[in-house]
């Protein structure tokens, strides 16, 4: 991976770690977490906090810079993480 791709991936990991560590607060403070991680003119960062149709909790993390990106969709239930679906196009990994 190039330097910028490493930075993109590290930012994704930072956000994921914060959200998972504070998972109980995330749904009580949706607006805080969706606004805490914002991009800038060059980098698009988006965190979405939602519920699935079957009542589980869903977190989406997206970090993109210069058409290089990482996206993760995490599904939680009362016992913890049910699934994590990470997709990226870093390091020619589309």
C-alpha atoms as a PDB file:
ATOM      1  CA  UNK A   1       0.000   0.000   0.000  1.00  0.00           C
ATOM      2  CA  UNK A   2       1.091   3.531  -0.671  1.00  0.00           C
ATOM      3  CA  UNK A   3       1.480   6.116   2.080  1.00  0.00           C
ATOM      4  CA  UNK A   4      -1.942   7.684   1.465  1.00  0.00           C
ATOM      5  CA  UNK A   5      -3.578   4.243   1.401  1.00  0.00           C
ATOM      6  CA  UNK A   6      -1.984   3.425   4.745  1.00  0.00           C
ATOM      7  CA  UNK A   7      -3.336   6.703   6.136  1.00  0.00           C
ATOM      8  CA  UNK A   8      -6.832   5.876   4.824  1.00  0.00           C
ATOM      9  CA  UNK A   9      -6.714   2.417   6.393  1.00  0.00           C
ATOM     10  CA  UNK A  10      -5.355   3.758   9.688  1.00  0.00           C
ATOM     11  CA  UNK A  11      -8.145   6.358   9.845  1.00  0.00           C
ATOM     12  CA  UNK A  12     -10.706   3.608   9.237  1.00  0.00           C
ATOM     13  CA  UNK A  13      -9.176   1.525  12.057  1.00  0.00           C
ATOM     14  CA  UNK A  14      -9.183   4.537  14.403  1.00  0.00           C
ATOM     15  CA  UNK A  15     -12.876   5.159  13.758  1.00  0.00           C
ATOM     16  CA  UNK A  16     -13.809   1.471  14.051  1.00  0.00           C
ATOM     17  CA  UNK A  17     -11.900   1.096  17.314  1.00  0.00           C
ATOM     18  CA  UNK A  18     -13.594   4.162  18.800  1.00  0.00           C
ATOM     19  CA  UNK A  19     -17.067   3.009  17.755  1.00  0.00           C
ATOM     20  CA  UNK A  20     -16.642  -0.586  18.926  1.00  0.00           C
ATOM     21  CA  UNK A  21     -15.065   0.497  22.227  1.00  0.00           C
ATOM     22  CA  UNK A  22     -17.962   2.900  22.869  1.00  0.00           C
ATOM     23  CA  UNK A  23     -20.689   0.755  21.299  1.00  0.00           C
ATOM     24  CA  UNK A  24     -23.182   1.256  24.145  1.00  0.00           C
ATOM     25  CA  UNK A  25     -22.977   5.043  23.734  1.00  0.00           C
ATOM     26  CA  UNK A  26     -23.189   5.054  19.940  1.00  0.00           C
ATOM     27  CA  UNK A  27     -26.956   4.511  19.735  1.00  0.00           C
ATOM     28  CA  UNK A  28     -27.652   6.944  22.576  1.00  0.00           C
ATOM     29  CA  UNK A  29     -25.527   9.616  20.880  1.00  0.00           C
ATOM     30  CA  UNK A  30     -26.111   9.002  17.153  1.00  0.00           C
ATOM     31  CA  UNK A  31     -25.720  12.636  16.144  1.00  0.00           C
ATOM     32  CA  UNK A  32     -22.471  12.952  18.076  1.00  0.00           C
ATOM     33  CA  UNK A  33     -20.795  10.009  16.355  1.00  0.00           C
ATOM     34  CA  UNK A  34     -22.142  10.749  12.872  1.00  0.00           C
ATOM     35  CA  UNK A  35     -20.835  14.319  13.184  1.00  0.00           C
ATOM     36  CA  UNK A  36     -17.632  13.491  15.072  1.00  0.00           C
ATOM     37  CA  UNK A  37     -16.121  11.845  12.004  1.00  0.00           C
ATOM     38  CA  UNK A  38     -16.439  14.199   9.088  1.00  0.00           C
ATOM     39  CA  UNK A  39     -14.227  14.557   6.092  1.00  0.00           C
ATOM     40  CA  UNK A  40     -12.790  17.684   4.562  1.00  0.00           C
ATOM     41  CA  UNK A  41     -12.327  19.062   1.043  1.00  0.00           C
ATOM     42  CA  UNK A  42     -10.019  16.162   0.137  1.00  0.00           C
ATOM     43  CA  UNK A  43     -11.236  13.257   2.243  1.00  0.00           C
ATOM     44  CA  UNK A  44     -14.751  11.837   2.520  1.00  0.00           C
ATOM     45  CA  UNK A  45     -15.534  10.234   5.892  1.00  0.00           C
ATOM     46  CA  UNK A  46     -19.005   8.977   6.712  1.00  0.00           C
ATOM     47  CA  UNK A  47     -20.333   7.110   9.748  1.00  0.00           C
ATOM     48  CA  UNK A  48     -23.940   5.897   9.658  1.00  0.00           C
ATOM     49  CA  UNK A  49     -25.826   4.495  12.645  1.00  0.00           C
ATOM     50  CA  UNK A  50     -28.967   2.537  11.761  1.00  0.00           C
ATOM     51  CA  UNK A  51     -31.145  -0.459  12.593  1.00  0.00           C
ATOM     52  CA  UNK A  52     -31.570  -3.467  10.319  1.00  0.00           C
ATOM     53  CA  UNK A  53     -34.994  -4.771   9.319  1.00  0.00           C
ATOM     54  CA  UNK A  54     -34.621  -7.619  11.830  1.00  0.00           C
ATOM     55  CA  UNK A  55     -33.896  -5.248  14.736  1.00  0.00           C
ATOM     56  CA  UNK A  56     -30.102  -5.537  14.888  1.00  0.00           C
ATOM     57  CA  UNK A  57     -27.912  -2.454  15.002  1.00  0.00           C
ATOM     58  CA  UNK A  58     -25.860  -1.486  11.954  1.00  0.00           C
ATOM     59  CA  UNK A  59     -22.787   0.744  11.764  1.00  0.00           C
ATOM     60  CA  UNK A  60     -21.361   1.806   8.435  1.00  0.00           C
ATOM     61  CA  UNK A  61     -17.896   3.327   8.184  1.00  0.00           C
ATOM     62  CA  UNK A  62     -16.644   4.816   4.917  1.00  0.00           C
ATOM     63  CA  UNK A  63     -13.291   6.559   4.397  1.00  0.00           C
ATOM     64  CA  UNK A  64     -12.271   7.756   0.904  1.00  0.00           C
ATOM     65  CA  UNK A  65      -9.511   9.902  -0.514  1.00  0.00           C
ATOM     66  CA  UNK A  66      -8.599  10.338  -4.182  1.00  0.00           C
ATOM     67  CA  UNK A  67     -10.841   7.427  -5.275  1.00  0.00           C
ATOM     68  CA  UNK A  68      -9.187   5.037  -2.778  1.00  0.00           C
ATOM     69  CA  UNK A  69     -11.554   3.830  -0.080  1.00  0.00           C
ATOM     70  CA  UNK A  70     -12.456   1.469   2.778  1.00  0.00           C
ATOM     71  CA  UNK A  71     -16.039   0.599   3.704  1.00  0.00           C
ATOM     72  CA  UNK A  72     -17.167  -1.575   6.605  1.00  0.00           C
ATOM     73  CA  UNK A  73     -20.688  -2.586   7.559  1.00  0.00           C
ATOM     74  CA  UNK A  74     -20.886  -3.943  11.100  1.00  0.00           C
ATOM     75  CA  UNK A  75     -23.985  -5.682  12.433  1.00  0.00           C
ATOM     76  CA  UNK A  76     -24.515  -5.936  16.206  1.00  0.00           C
ATOM     77  CA  UNK A  77     -27.040  -7.661  18.393  1.00  0.00           C
ATOM     78  CA  UNK A  78     -27.325  -7.740  22.187  1.00  0.00           C
ATOM     79  CA  UNK A  79     -24.436 -10.240  22.404  1.00  0.00           C
ATOM     80  CA  UNK A  80     -21.954  -8.308  20.273  1.00  0.00           C
ATOM     81  CA  UNK A  81     -20.755  -8.169  16.656  1.00  0.00           C
ATOM     82  CA  UNK A  82     -22.693 -10.504  14.370  1.00  0.00           C
ATOM     83  CA  UNK A  83     -20.820  -9.631  11.184  1.00  0.00           C
ATOM     84  CA  UNK A  84     -18.339  -7.229   9.671  1.00  0.00           C
ATOM     85  CA  UNK A  85     -18.207  -6.814   5.900  1.00  0.00           C
ATOM     86  CA  UNK A  86     -15.081  -4.870   4.913  1.00  0.00           C
ATOM     87  CA  UNK A  87     -14.576  -3.829   1.301  1.00  0.00           C
ATOM     88  CA  UNK A  88     -11.762  -1.676  -0.040  1.00  0.00           C
ATOM     89  CA  UNK A  89      -9.852  -0.802  -3.160  1.00  0.00           C
ATOM     90  CA  UNK A  90      -6.521  -0.130  -1.453  1.00  0.00           C
ATOM     91  CA  UNK A  91      -3.415  -1.839  -2.784  1.00  0.00           C
ATOM     92  CA  UNK A  92      -5.279  -2.851  -5.963  1.00  0.00           C
ATOM     93  CA  UNK A  93      -7.643  -4.938  -3.798  1.00  0.00           C
ATOM     94  CA  UNK A  94     -11.016  -4.262  -5.467  1.00  0.00           C
END
